[in-house]
Amino acid sequence: MKKILVVGALFFFFHVTAQEEKPYVAPKLVVGIVVDQMRFDYLTRFWDRYSDNGFRRMVNQGFNAKNHHFNYIPTATGPGHASVYTGAIPAVHGILGNNWYDKFAKETVYCAGDTAYPALGTENKNGMAPTRMLTTTITDQLRIHYQFKSKVIAVSLKDRGAVLPGGHTANAAYWYEGGSTGDWISSTYYMDELPKWVQKYNKSKAVERYKTVWETLEPLNTYTESGSDQNAYEGLSKGEEHSGFPHHLDKLWDQNGSFSSLSATPFGNSILTDFALEALEAEELGTDEIPDFLAISYSSTDYVGHKYGVNSVEVQDTYMRLDLEIARLLNKLDQTVGEGEYLVFLTSDHGAVHVPSFLSDHKIPSGYINSKELMESLNQSIEKRFGRTDILENLSSNELFLNHEIIDELGLDLRAVREQIADMVLTLPLVEQVFTAHDIERLGYATGMKELVRNGHNPKRSGDVIFTIQPAYISYGKTGSTHGSPHIYDTHVPLLFFGTGIPEGESTAERTEIPDIAPTLAVLLGIGMPNGTTGTPIEDLLED
């Protein structure tokens, strides 16, 4: 009798232990945060100005990948969000830029655009959907794994910052209309009409409280981590006499697009947090044992960076205020989902270059490229060689699209024409490297620039000749910063993990890459990886 009891007890012990020792610990909620145009050094440059409960909390109580990079070009919002969530390079997921030239339709297309799905909640009926994205996302995989019982909600000021992270199966994606309403809108891809809670939120006009004056969070003279407040490197709003603080959004309201003007201020991030927290409560995210997903993309950091530049006080103030938004979000998650019951990751969709005129003034090689002059020069060379210029059909994001029909009519060899035009491009000032589609599509193992170009090249969607420009030379205005290059300032971005299943206070200096995020999440969640995954799980994060 005793033996039977002992054996029974042992069976019960091992049975319970086996049940408890799952290979993963599923959180109640995953929160994905993408901070648009966040360079890695914004974490370190402003570290002493951050609170204990925002970025610092995520670093000190979570995992910090310090050597995290994009492994493709172009570095832009559309492909950035797609690569984070698909775990794939653009060559696979197909989102080659915010816009790209469709060589079959002979027109430029938008990464999140689809006229079949008109917008909801607005008179502007521009269609939006994730249909140009060729693979699944980590959010799709979560929905599939739990038989579509998981909820996925994606929010951003930008439509593409919500549509692409939400994936093909999201319950909803919402973006900020701005303009005269400041409303949150969606499209018929997700629903027939906006949910009652969104309609109610829009009617509340909660966004109107941000029609105010943008002043620095702390005394202006303490912003020693940035350049001077007034300088020639920053853009102006209409009606402004100088670029310095304070910025009177209220007085310049109508001439700067009304509610749209808030996007290029830190208040845009506050507007997004407000709405994200509303969605958290209204959709009851993270309230049961089936994991949900809230995808948040903070866009104001990009708008501010484009307008004022990397070294501006405006950028610093925006990040100091964003830190408080992150703290507000984490605090609310503690209260509603439960501390330790949710998983957060934070990264960016691309970095940014210092304003070239600023660099030039400090004797650093930099400058500007006139795309129109580049095209004129190239067309002259093409006409001289082939007797006509219509062989070159389009220039888009440093990619040349040739007219294959005309090349065939002339009886020319496509590969030879590509190589001849590539040679012409290489002679142009400031061009760094040139690649033909033929070379890229037949590359074996590649490193350095070749790898970045190859990873961003989709044979059915990309051009015939691709070129890169020397570091710190941009095709852009003389004020503000931009991005898109394969250079380190555009590829090096933060990656933080925090919460359920994440080691506390750990970090790695080993190289990690943007497509590694989704497969890492898949391992943490115990679900399948997105079907186009090219990245690999981050071992340093997953080691016991």
Protein backbone atom coordinates (compact mmCIF):
# COMPACT_ATOMS: atom_id res chain seq x y z
CA MET A 1 0.00 0.00 0.00
CA LYS A 2 2.82 2.40 0.89
CA LYS A 3 4.60 1.61 -2.39
CA ILE A 4 1.46 2.47 -4.34
CA LEU A 5 1.14 5.77 -2.44
CA VAL A 6 4.79 6.65 -3.05
CA VAL A 7 4.59 5.78 -6.74
CA GLY A 8 1.36 7.76 -7.02
CA ALA A 9 2.93 10.74 -5.27
CA LEU A 10 5.97 10.61 -7.56
CA PHE A 11 3.74 10.40 -10.64
CA PHE A 12 1.74 13.40 -9.41
CA PHE A 13 4.96 15.38 -8.71
CA PHE A 14 6.50 14.69 -12.11
CA HIS A 15 3.16 15.25 -13.87
CA VAL A 16 2.71 18.69 -12.24
CA THR A 17 6.38 19.59 -12.79
CA ALA A 18 6.15 18.67 -16.46
CA GLN A 19 3.05 20.82 -16.79
CA GLU A 20 4.75 23.80 -15.14
CA GLU A 21 8.02 23.61 -17.08
CA LYS A 22 6.87 25.00 -20.40
CA PRO A 23 9.56 26.05 -22.89
CA TYR A 24 8.10 29.56 -22.88
CA VAL A 25 6.13 31.91 -20.63
CA ALA A 26 3.38 33.65 -22.56
CA PRO A 27 2.65 37.23 -21.44
CA LYS A 28 -0.90 38.50 -21.33
CA LEU A 29 0.02 41.34 -23.65
CA VAL A 30 2.86 42.20 -26.01
CA VAL A 31 3.49 45.89 -26.66
CA GLY A 32 5.66 46.73 -29.65
CA ILE A 33 7.05 50.27 -29.66
CA VAL A 34 8.71 51.74 -32.73
CA VAL A 35 10.18 55.23 -32.25
CA ASP A 36 10.42 56.80 -35.69
CA GLN A 37 13.93 58.13 -36.55
CA MET A 38 15.49 57.20 -33.17
CA ARG A 39 19.26 56.93 -33.43
CA PHE A 40 20.93 54.62 -30.90
CA ASP A 41 22.91 57.49 -29.39
CA TYR A 42 19.70 59.25 -28.30
CA LEU A 43 19.63 56.69 -25.50
CA THR A 44 23.11 57.69 -24.30
CA ARG A 45 23.19 61.38 -25.26
CA PHE A 46 20.11 62.21 -23.20
CA TRP A 47 20.54 59.49 -20.56
CA ASP A 48 21.13 61.92 -17.68
CA ARG A 49 17.97 63.81 -18.60
CA TYR A 50 15.65 60.81 -18.59
CA SER A 51 13.45 59.82 -15.65
CA ASP A 52 13.87 56.54 -13.78
CA ASN A 53 10.59 55.15 -15.12
CA GLY A 54 10.85 55.40 -18.92
CA PHE A 55 13.87 54.52 -21.05
CA ARG A 56 16.02 53.95 -17.95
CA ARG A 57 13.55 51.46 -16.52
CA MET A 58 13.56 49.48 -19.76
CA VAL A 59 17.36 49.43 -19.87
CA ASN A 60 17.99 48.77 -16.16
CA GLN A 61 15.25 46.16 -15.75
CA GLY A 62 15.37 44.72 -19.24
CA PHE A 63 17.70 43.76 -22.08
CA ASN A 64 19.67 46.24 -24.19
CA ALA A 65 21.02 45.27 -27.62
CA LYS A 66 23.70 47.94 -28.09
CA ASN A 67 24.88 46.97 -31.56
CA HIS A 68 21.57 46.74 -33.38
CA HIS A 69 21.36 47.53 -37.10
CA PHE A 70 19.36 47.53 -40.28
CA ASN A 71 20.86 45.09 -42.76
CA TYR A 72 19.38 46.56 -45.93
CA ILE A 73 18.61 49.78 -47.77
CA PRO A 74 16.68 52.01 -48.02
CA THR A 75 16.32 52.90 -44.34
CA ALA A 76 12.80 54.35 -44.33
CA THR A 77 9.57 54.13 -42.35
CA GLY A 78 7.69 51.64 -44.54
CA PRO A 79 10.38 48.98 -44.90
CA GLY A 80 11.49 49.61 -41.31
CA HIS A 81 8.12 48.75 -39.78
CA ALA A 82 7.64 45.85 -42.17
CA SER A 83 11.04 44.36 -41.35
CA VAL A 84 10.54 44.69 -37.58
CA TYR A 85 7.26 42.82 -37.72
CA THR A 86 7.89 40.28 -40.50
CA GLY A 87 11.38 39.32 -39.36
CA ALA A 88 12.35 39.57 -43.02
CA ILE A 89 14.38 41.79 -45.32
CA PRO A 90 12.62 43.89 -48.00
CA ALA A 91 13.82 41.46 -50.67
CA VAL A 92 11.37 38.99 -49.10
CA HIS A 93 8.52 41.02 -47.59
CA GLY A 94 8.37 43.34 -50.61
CA ILE A 95 8.02 46.74 -48.90
CA LEU A 96 10.90 48.46 -50.67
CA GLY A 97 10.28 52.01 -49.47
CA ASN A 98 7.53 54.38 -48.42
CA ASN A 99 6.87 54.67 -52.14
CA TRP A 100 8.40 52.86 -55.09
CA TYR A 101 8.00 52.73 -58.84
CA ASP A 102 5.85 49.86 -60.04
CA LYS A 103 7.55 48.89 -63.28
CA PHE A 104 4.55 46.86 -64.47
CA ALA A 105 1.85 49.44 -63.70
CA LYS A 106 4.22 52.27 -64.77
CA GLU A 107 3.33 54.34 -61.71
CA THR A 108 4.57 55.10 -58.22
CA VAL A 109 2.79 53.15 -55.49
CA TYR A 110 2.49 53.70 -51.73
CA CYS A 111 3.53 51.00 -49.28
CA ALA A 112 0.23 50.99 -47.35
CA GLY A 113 -2.06 52.15 -50.13
CA ASP A 114 -4.94 50.13 -51.59
CA THR A 115 -7.86 51.85 -53.27
CA ALA A 116 -10.06 48.81 -52.64
CA TYR A 117 -10.29 49.75 -48.94
CA PRO A 118 -11.45 53.37 -48.46
CA ALA A 119 -10.72 55.22 -45.24
CA LEU A 120 -13.25 55.31 -42.40
CA GLY A 121 -14.08 58.26 -40.17
CA THR A 122 -12.98 60.91 -42.66
CA GLU A 123 -14.03 62.60 -45.86
CA ASN A 124 -10.62 61.71 -47.30
CA LYS A 125 -11.22 58.26 -48.75
CA ASN A 126 -7.61 57.30 -49.56
CA GLY A 127 -7.53 53.52 -49.29
CA MET A 128 -5.17 51.83 -46.84
CA ALA A 129 -4.34 48.16 -46.28
CA PRO A 130 -1.30 45.86 -45.77
CA THR A 131 -1.87 44.09 -49.11
CA ARG A 132 1.48 45.09 -50.66
CA MET A 133 3.30 43.22 -47.87
CA LEU A 134 4.09 39.72 -49.14
CA THR A 135 4.65 37.81 -45.88
CA THR A 136 3.06 37.33 -42.48
CA THR A 137 4.00 39.33 -39.40
CA ILE A 138 4.58 38.32 -35.80
CA THR A 139 1.13 39.77 -35.11
CA ASP A 140 -0.38 37.50 -37.77
CA GLN A 141 1.40 34.51 -36.25
CA LEU A 142 0.01 35.33 -32.81
CA ARG A 143 -3.52 35.48 -34.22
CA ILE A 144 -3.08 32.20 -36.11
CA HIS A 145 -1.53 30.37 -33.14
CA TYR A 146 -4.45 31.21 -30.84
CA GLN A 147 -7.13 30.53 -33.46
CA PHE A 148 -7.71 34.27 -33.91
CA LYS A 149 -8.71 34.73 -30.28
CA SER A 150 -5.75 37.06 -29.67
CA LYS A 151 -6.52 40.71 -30.28
CA VAL A 152 -4.12 42.82 -32.34
CA ILE A 153 -4.52 46.61 -32.34
CA ALA A 154 -2.02 48.90 -34.09
CA VAL A 155 -1.84 52.69 -33.64
CA SER A 156 0.34 55.46 -35.05
CA LEU A 157 0.19 59.04 -36.25
CA LYS A 158 1.24 57.67 -39.66
CA ASP A 159 -1.00 55.26 -41.55
CA ARG A 160 1.94 53.05 -42.58
CA GLY A 161 3.15 52.99 -38.95
CA ALA A 162 -0.10 51.24 -37.99
CA VAL A 163 -1.07 49.27 -41.10
CA LEU A 164 2.19 47.35 -41.56
CA PRO A 165 2.77 46.34 -37.88
CA GLY A 166 -0.85 45.20 -37.60
CA GLY A 167 -0.22 42.67 -40.33
CA HIS A 168 -2.84 41.04 -42.53
CA THR A 169 -5.10 39.85 -39.72
CA ALA A 170 -5.20 42.75 -37.25
CA ASN A 171 -8.47 43.46 -35.51
CA ALA A 172 -7.84 47.13 -36.22
CA ALA A 173 -5.25 49.69 -37.26
CA TYR A 174 -5.80 53.37 -36.46
CA TRP A 175 -3.94 56.49 -37.53
CA TYR A 176 -4.19 60.23 -36.91
CA GLU A 177 -5.93 62.36 -39.51
CA GLY A 178 -4.75 65.76 -38.26
CA GLY A 179 -6.10 68.53 -40.46
CA SER A 180 -9.16 70.34 -39.19
CA THR A 181 -10.42 67.45 -37.02
CA GLY A 182 -7.54 65.76 -35.18
CA ASP A 183 -9.56 62.54 -35.42
CA TRP A 184 -8.42 58.92 -35.41
CA ILE A 185 -9.36 56.99 -38.55
CA SER A 186 -9.06 53.53 -40.12
CA SER A 187 -10.11 51.76 -43.33
CA THR A 188 -12.69 49.26 -44.54
CA TYR A 189 -9.97 46.59 -44.64
CA TYR A 190 -10.54 46.15 -40.89
CA MET A 191 -14.20 47.04 -40.29
CA ASP A 192 -17.34 48.54 -41.79
CA GLU A 193 -17.46 51.45 -39.37
CA LEU A 194 -15.36 52.83 -36.54
CA PRO A 195 -16.09 51.22 -33.16
CA LYS A 196 -18.29 53.21 -30.80
CA TRP A 197 -15.38 53.90 -28.48
CA VAL A 198 -13.34 55.49 -31.29
CA GLN A 199 -16.31 57.59 -32.40
CA LYS A 200 -16.85 58.70 -28.82
CA TYR A 201 -13.17 59.52 -28.39
CA ASN A 202 -13.12 61.60 -31.56
CA LYS A 203 -16.22 63.51 -30.46
CA SER A 204 -14.59 64.30 -27.11
CA LYS A 205 -12.00 66.50 -28.91
CA ALA A 206 -9.45 65.53 -26.26
CA VAL A 207 -6.69 66.51 -28.70
CA GLU A 208 -7.66 70.21 -28.47
CA ARG A 209 -5.78 70.62 -25.20
CA TYR A 210 -2.52 70.36 -27.14
CA LYS A 211 -3.28 73.54 -29.09
CA THR A 212 -0.84 75.48 -26.98
CA VAL A 213 2.72 76.83 -26.79
CA TRP A 214 5.66 74.45 -27.06
CA GLU A 215 8.18 75.47 -24.43
CA THR A 216 11.10 73.41 -23.16
CA LEU A 217 10.28 70.91 -20.45
CA GLU A 218 13.16 72.21 -18.35
CA PRO A 219 15.02 75.57 -18.41
CA LEU A 220 16.43 76.18 -21.87
CA ASN A 221 19.95 76.93 -20.59
CA THR A 222 20.21 73.38 -19.19
CA TYR A 223 20.01 71.75 -22.64
CA THR A 224 23.77 71.42 -22.94
CA GLU A 225 23.52 68.08 -24.77
CA SER A 226 22.41 69.93 -27.91
CA GLY A 227 23.48 72.84 -30.09
CA SER A 228 22.31 76.43 -29.86
CA ASP A 229 18.56 77.02 -29.81
CA GLN A 230 18.51 79.41 -32.77
CA ASN A 231 20.61 78.55 -35.80
CA ALA A 232 20.56 78.21 -39.57
CA TYR A 233 20.22 74.41 -39.52
CA GLU A 234 16.57 74.32 -38.43
CA GLY A 235 13.35 74.73 -40.36
CA LEU A 236 10.65 77.26 -39.60
CA SER A 237 6.91 76.96 -39.28
CA LYS A 238 4.90 79.36 -41.41
CA GLY A 239 4.75 82.69 -39.65
CA GLU A 240 7.80 82.10 -37.43
CA GLU A 241 10.58 84.69 -37.47
CA HIS A 242 13.19 82.37 -35.96
CA SER A 243 13.61 78.69 -35.13
CA GLY A 244 14.05 79.06 -31.38
CA PHE A 245 11.75 78.45 -28.43
CA PRO A 246 8.98 79.04 -27.64
CA HIS A 247 6.95 77.77 -30.60
CA HIS A 248 3.50 79.37 -30.60
CA LEU A 249 1.40 76.59 -32.07
CA ASP A 250 -1.78 78.36 -31.02
CA LYS A 251 -1.02 81.63 -32.80
CA LEU A 252 0.21 79.92 -35.98
CA TRP A 253 -2.51 77.26 -35.96
CA ASP A 254 -4.44 77.86 -39.17
CA GLN A 255 -1.49 78.57 -41.45
CA ASN A 256 0.32 75.38 -40.37
CA GLY A 257 -2.41 72.82 -40.95
CA SER A 258 -4.30 73.07 -37.65
CA PHE A 259 -4.14 69.68 -35.89
CA SER A 260 -1.54 68.43 -38.37
CA SER A 261 0.94 70.92 -36.92
CA LEU A 262 0.99 68.94 -33.67
CA SER A 263 2.69 66.02 -35.43
CA ALA A 264 5.99 67.94 -35.58
CA THR A 265 5.95 68.59 -31.84
CA PRO A 266 6.30 66.29 -28.81
CA PHE A 267 2.56 66.69 -28.27
CA GLY A 268 2.01 64.32 -31.19
CA ASN A 269 3.55 61.56 -29.06
CA SER A 270 1.26 62.50 -26.17
CA ILE A 271 -1.75 62.33 -28.49
CA LEU A 272 -0.68 58.82 -29.51
CA THR A 273 -0.19 57.64 -25.92
CA ASP A 274 -3.63 59.00 -25.01
CA PHE A 275 -5.24 57.01 -27.81
CA ALA A 276 -3.19 53.87 -27.17
CA LEU A 277 -4.28 53.84 -23.52
CA GLU A 278 -7.87 54.35 -24.64
CA ALA A 279 -7.52 51.32 -26.93
CA LEU A 280 -5.93 49.30 -24.11
CA GLU A 281 -9.00 49.84 -21.96
CA ALA A 282 -11.74 49.79 -24.58
CA GLU A 283 -10.48 46.61 -26.26
CA GLU A 284 -9.70 44.96 -22.89
CA LEU A 285 -6.22 44.02 -24.03
CA GLY A 286 -4.23 41.73 -21.75
CA THR A 287 -7.18 40.80 -19.55
CA ASP A 288 -7.10 37.03 -20.03
CA GLU A 289 -4.60 34.22 -20.55
CA ILE A 290 -4.62 34.49 -24.36
CA PRO A 291 -1.91 36.99 -25.34
CA ASP A 292 -2.92 40.18 -27.14
CA PHE A 293 -0.72 42.61 -29.05
CA LEU A 294 -0.66 46.41 -29.02
CA ALA A 295 1.60 47.90 -31.71
CA ILE A 296 2.52 51.56 -31.09
CA SER A 297 4.57 53.69 -33.46
CA TYR A 298 5.65 57.13 -32.23
CA SER A 299 5.96 59.32 -35.34
CA SER A 300 6.53 62.82 -33.94
CA THR A 301 10.19 62.06 -33.36
CA ASP A 302 10.55 61.70 -37.14
CA TYR A 303 8.67 64.88 -37.96
CA VAL A 304 10.70 66.87 -35.42
CA GLY A 305 13.98 65.38 -36.66
CA HIS A 306 13.17 66.20 -40.28
CA LYS A 307 12.28 69.77 -39.37
CA TYR A 308 14.93 70.70 -36.81
CA GLY A 309 17.80 68.21 -37.18
CA VAL A 310 19.69 65.71 -35.04
CA ASN A 311 21.57 68.30 -32.96
CA SER A 312 18.59 70.52 -32.13
CA VAL A 313 17.16 71.42 -28.75
CA GLU A 314 13.77 70.49 -30.22
CA VAL A 315 14.90 66.89 -30.74
CA GLN A 316 16.26 66.71 -27.21
CA ASP A 317 13.10 68.14 -25.69
CA THR A 318 10.99 65.73 -27.74
CA TYR A 319 12.93 62.74 -26.37
CA MET A 320 12.84 64.02 -22.80
CA ARG A 321 9.08 64.30 -23.13
CA LEU A 322 8.80 60.93 -24.92
CA ASP A 323 10.58 59.38 -21.95
CA LEU A 324 7.67 60.54 -19.79
CA GLU A 325 5.21 59.04 -22.30
CA ILE A 326 7.01 55.69 -22.08
CA ALA A 327 6.84 55.93 -18.28
CA ARG A 328 3.12 56.74 -18.46
CA LEU A 329 2.53 53.75 -20.72
CA LEU A 330 4.50 51.32 -18.52
CA ASN A 331 2.77 52.59 -15.38
CA LYS A 332 -0.64 52.01 -16.95
CA LEU A 333 0.38 48.52 -18.06
CA ASP A 334 1.46 47.77 -14.48
CA GLN A 335 -1.97 48.81 -13.26
CA THR A 336 -4.17 47.18 -15.88
CA VAL A 337 -2.27 44.10 -17.06
CA GLY A 338 -0.03 43.60 -14.06
CA GLU A 339 3.67 44.12 -13.47
CA GLY A 340 5.61 41.22 -14.97
CA GLU A 341 2.56 40.08 -16.96
CA TYR A 342 3.38 41.90 -20.20
CA LEU A 343 6.27 42.02 -22.67
CA VAL A 344 7.52 45.20 -24.34
CA PHE A 345 10.08 45.73 -27.05
CA LEU A 346 11.29 49.12 -28.29
CA THR A 347 13.21 49.86 -31.45
CA SER A 348 13.25 52.28 -34.39
CA ASP A 349 12.51 52.18 -38.11
CA HIS A 350 15.71 54.05 -39.09
CA GLY A 351 18.21 56.58 -37.78
CA ALA A 352 19.14 59.99 -39.19
CA VAL A 353 22.08 62.03 -40.47
CA HIS A 354 23.32 65.24 -38.87
CA VAL A 355 22.37 68.30 -40.92
CA PRO A 356 25.10 68.41 -43.61
CA SER A 357 25.45 72.20 -43.42
CA PHE A 358 26.18 71.80 -39.69
CA LEU A 359 28.81 69.16 -40.43
CA SER A 360 30.36 71.31 -43.17
CA ASP A 361 30.66 74.23 -40.78
CA HIS A 362 32.73 71.92 -38.58
CA LYS A 363 34.99 70.82 -41.46
CA ILE A 364 33.39 67.38 -41.83
CA PRO A 365 32.89 66.21 -45.44
CA SER A 366 29.19 66.59 -46.23
CA GLY A 367 26.80 68.34 -48.52
CA TYR A 368 23.79 68.16 -50.80
CA ILE A 369 22.92 66.46 -54.06
CA ASN A 370 20.61 67.95 -56.64
CA SER A 371 18.61 65.01 -58.01
CA LYS A 372 17.36 67.04 -60.96
CA GLU A 373 20.91 67.91 -62.03
CA LEU A 374 21.95 64.28 -61.55
CA MET A 375 19.17 63.12 -63.88
CA GLU A 376 20.05 65.76 -66.48
CA SER A 377 23.69 64.73 -66.46
CA LEU A 378 22.80 61.06 -66.72
CA ASN A 379 20.33 61.68 -69.56
CA GLN A 380 23.04 63.51 -71.50
CA SER A 381 25.33 60.49 -71.21
CA ILE A 382 22.52 58.10 -72.19
CA GLU A 383 21.56 60.19 -75.24
CA LYS A 384 25.18 60.37 -76.33
CA ARG A 385 25.55 56.59 -76.10
CA PHE A 386 22.13 55.38 -77.33
CA GLY A 387 20.79 58.33 -79.30
CA ARG A 388 17.72 58.73 -77.08
CA THR A 389 16.87 59.23 -73.40
CA ASP A 390 13.61 57.28 -73.01
CA ILE A 391 15.62 54.16 -72.22
CA LEU A 392 15.68 55.57 -68.67
CA GLU A 393 12.09 55.32 -67.45
CA ASN A 394 12.27 56.35 -63.79
CA LEU A 395 14.60 57.30 -60.93
CA SER A 396 13.28 56.29 -57.51
CA SER A 397 15.25 56.07 -54.23
CA ASN A 398 18.61 55.78 -55.99
CA GLU A 399 17.27 53.09 -58.29
CA LEU A 400 17.12 53.45 -62.07
CA PHE A 401 14.29 51.72 -63.92
CA LEU A 402 14.96 51.07 -67.60
CA ASN A 403 12.36 50.68 -70.32
CA HIS A 404 12.77 47.05 -71.34
CA GLU A 405 10.39 47.35 -74.29
CA ILE A 406 12.50 50.06 -75.91
CA ILE A 407 15.70 48.13 -75.22
CA ASP A 408 14.13 45.14 -76.99
CA GLU A 409 12.98 47.32 -79.90
CA LEU A 410 16.54 48.58 -80.35
CA GLY A 411 17.82 45.01 -80.34
CA LEU A 412 20.07 45.68 -77.35
CA ASP A 413 21.15 43.23 -74.68
CA LEU A 414 19.56 44.18 -71.34
CA ARG A 415 22.53 43.07 -69.28
CA ALA A 416 24.94 45.07 -71.44
CA VAL A 417 22.74 48.19 -71.24
CA ARG A 418 22.54 47.88 -67.47
CA GLU A 419 26.33 47.66 -67.22
CA GLN A 420 26.88 50.61 -69.55
CA ILE A 421 24.49 52.82 -67.60
CA ALA A 422 26.05 51.66 -64.32
CA ASP A 423 29.42 52.85 -65.65
CA MET A 424 27.86 56.23 -66.47
CA VAL A 425 26.38 56.55 -62.97
CA LEU A 426 29.72 55.78 -61.35
CA THR A 427 31.25 58.83 -63.06
CA LEU A 428 28.71 61.17 -61.43
CA PRO A 429 29.94 63.30 -58.49
CA LEU A 430 29.45 61.84 -54.99
CA VAL A 431 28.24 58.43 -56.19
CA GLU A 432 29.93 55.83 -54.00
CA GLN A 433 29.04 52.43 -55.46
CA VAL A 434 26.87 51.12 -58.30
CA PHE A 435 25.25 47.71 -58.79
CA THR A 436 23.22 46.20 -61.60
CA ALA A 437 20.20 44.00 -60.96
CA HIS A 438 21.96 41.17 -62.76
CA ASP A 439 24.89 41.32 -60.35
CA ILE A 440 22.69 41.60 -57.25
CA GLU A 441 20.43 38.70 -58.19
CA ARG A 442 23.43 36.44 -58.72
CA LEU A 443 25.41 37.41 -55.65
CA GLY A 444 26.31 34.56 -53.39
CA TYR A 445 27.56 35.34 -49.91
CA ALA A 446 27.83 39.11 -49.58
CA THR A 447 29.14 41.47 -46.92
CA GLY A 448 29.25 45.21 -46.37
CA MET A 449 27.48 47.43 -48.87
CA LYS A 450 26.73 44.54 -51.24
CA GLU A 451 24.77 42.74 -48.54
CA LEU A 452 22.68 45.82 -47.71
CA VAL A 453 21.87 46.42 -51.37
CA ARG A 454 21.04 42.76 -52.01
CA ASN A 455 18.79 42.54 -48.95
CA GLY A 456 16.77 45.51 -50.17
CA HIS A 457 16.38 44.20 -53.71
CA ASN A 458 13.29 42.36 -54.89
CA PRO A 459 13.66 41.20 -58.53
CA LYS A 460 10.00 41.84 -59.36
CA ARG A 461 9.82 45.26 -57.72
CA SER A 462 13.32 46.77 -57.79
CA GLY A 463 15.16 48.71 -60.47
CA ASP A 464 17.83 47.81 -63.01
CA VAL A 465 20.69 49.88 -61.59
CA ILE A 466 21.14 50.77 -57.92
CA PHE A 467 23.65 53.26 -56.55
CA THR A 468 24.73 54.64 -53.19
CA ILE A 469 25.95 58.09 -52.21
CA GLN A 470 28.94 59.06 -50.08
CA PRO A 471 28.28 59.47 -46.32
CA ALA A 472 26.64 62.71 -45.15
CA TYR A 473 25.61 63.81 -48.64
CA ILE A 474 21.85 63.97 -49.07
CA SER A 475 19.17 64.99 -51.54
CA TYR A 476 17.22 67.19 -49.16
CA GLY A 477 16.68 70.78 -48.06
CA LYS A 478 19.36 72.82 -46.30
CA THR A 479 17.63 72.51 -42.90
CA GLY A 480 16.68 69.46 -40.87
CA SER A 481 17.82 65.83 -41.01
CA THR A 482 16.80 62.91 -43.18
CA HIS A 483 17.59 59.21 -43.69
CA GLY A 484 17.49 56.38 -46.21
CA SER A 485 21.18 55.56 -46.68
CA PRO A 486 23.18 52.40 -45.85
CA HIS A 487 25.50 54.40 -43.61
CA ILE A 488 25.92 53.78 -39.89
CA TYR A 489 23.99 56.87 -38.74
CA ASP A 490 20.90 55.49 -40.50
CA THR A 491 21.33 51.82 -39.57
CA HIS A 492 22.30 51.90 -35.87
CA VAL A 493 19.16 52.06 -33.71
CA PRO A 494 18.09 50.93 -30.22
CA LEU A 495 16.58 47.59 -29.33
CA LEU A 496 15.21 47.09 -25.82
CA PHE A 497 13.22 44.18 -24.40
CA PHE A 498 11.39 44.45 -21.08
CA GLY A 499 8.96 42.35 -19.05
CA THR A 500 7.82 38.72 -19.16
CA GLY A 501 10.66 36.28 -19.83
CA ILE A 502 13.32 39.00 -20.21
CA PRO A 503 16.55 38.90 -18.16
CA GLU A 504 16.88 41.93 -15.92
CA GLY A 505 19.68 44.42 -16.51
CA GLU A 506 21.37 42.39 -19.25
CA SER A 507 22.87 43.66 -22.51
CA THR A 508 24.88 42.55 -25.50
CA ALA A 509 27.37 44.24 -27.80
CA GLU A 510 27.12 41.39 -30.31
CA ARG A 511 25.64 42.51 -33.60
CA THR A 512 21.90 42.03 -33.89
CA GLU A 513 19.73 43.02 -36.83
CA ILE A 514 16.20 44.30 -37.34
CA PRO A 515 14.85 41.02 -38.79
CA ASP A 516 15.98 39.26 -35.58
CA ILE A 517 13.21 40.91 -33.54
CA ALA A 518 10.23 38.89 -34.82
CA PRO A 519 11.84 35.43 -34.50
CA THR A 520 13.02 36.35 -31.01
CA LEU A 521 9.46 37.26 -30.08
CA ALA A 522 8.25 34.01 -31.63
CA VAL A 523 10.55 31.99 -29.37
CA LEU A 524 9.52 34.01 -26.30
CA LEU A 525 5.84 33.52 -27.14
CA GLY A 526 6.14 29.87 -28.19
CA ILE A 527 4.54 30.53 -31.57
CA GLY A 528 5.51 30.07 -35.20
CA MET A 529 7.85 32.54 -36.87
CA PRO A 530 6.53 34.74 -39.71
CA ASN A 531 6.58 32.81 -42.97
CA GLY A 532 9.26 34.93 -44.65
CA THR A 533 11.62 35.14 -41.68
CA THR A 534 15.25 35.78 -42.55
CA GLY A 535 16.43 36.85 -39.08
CA THR A 536 17.52 34.62 -36.22
CA PRO A 537 16.55 34.65 -32.52
CA ILE A 538 18.88 36.69 -30.31
CA GLU A 539 20.75 34.04 -28.32
CA ASP A 540 22.11 36.39 -25.65
CA LEU A 541 18.56 37.34 -24.74
CA LEU A 542 17.26 33.76 -24.69
CA GLU A 543 20.10 32.12 -22.75
CA ASP A 544 19.19 31.00 -19.24
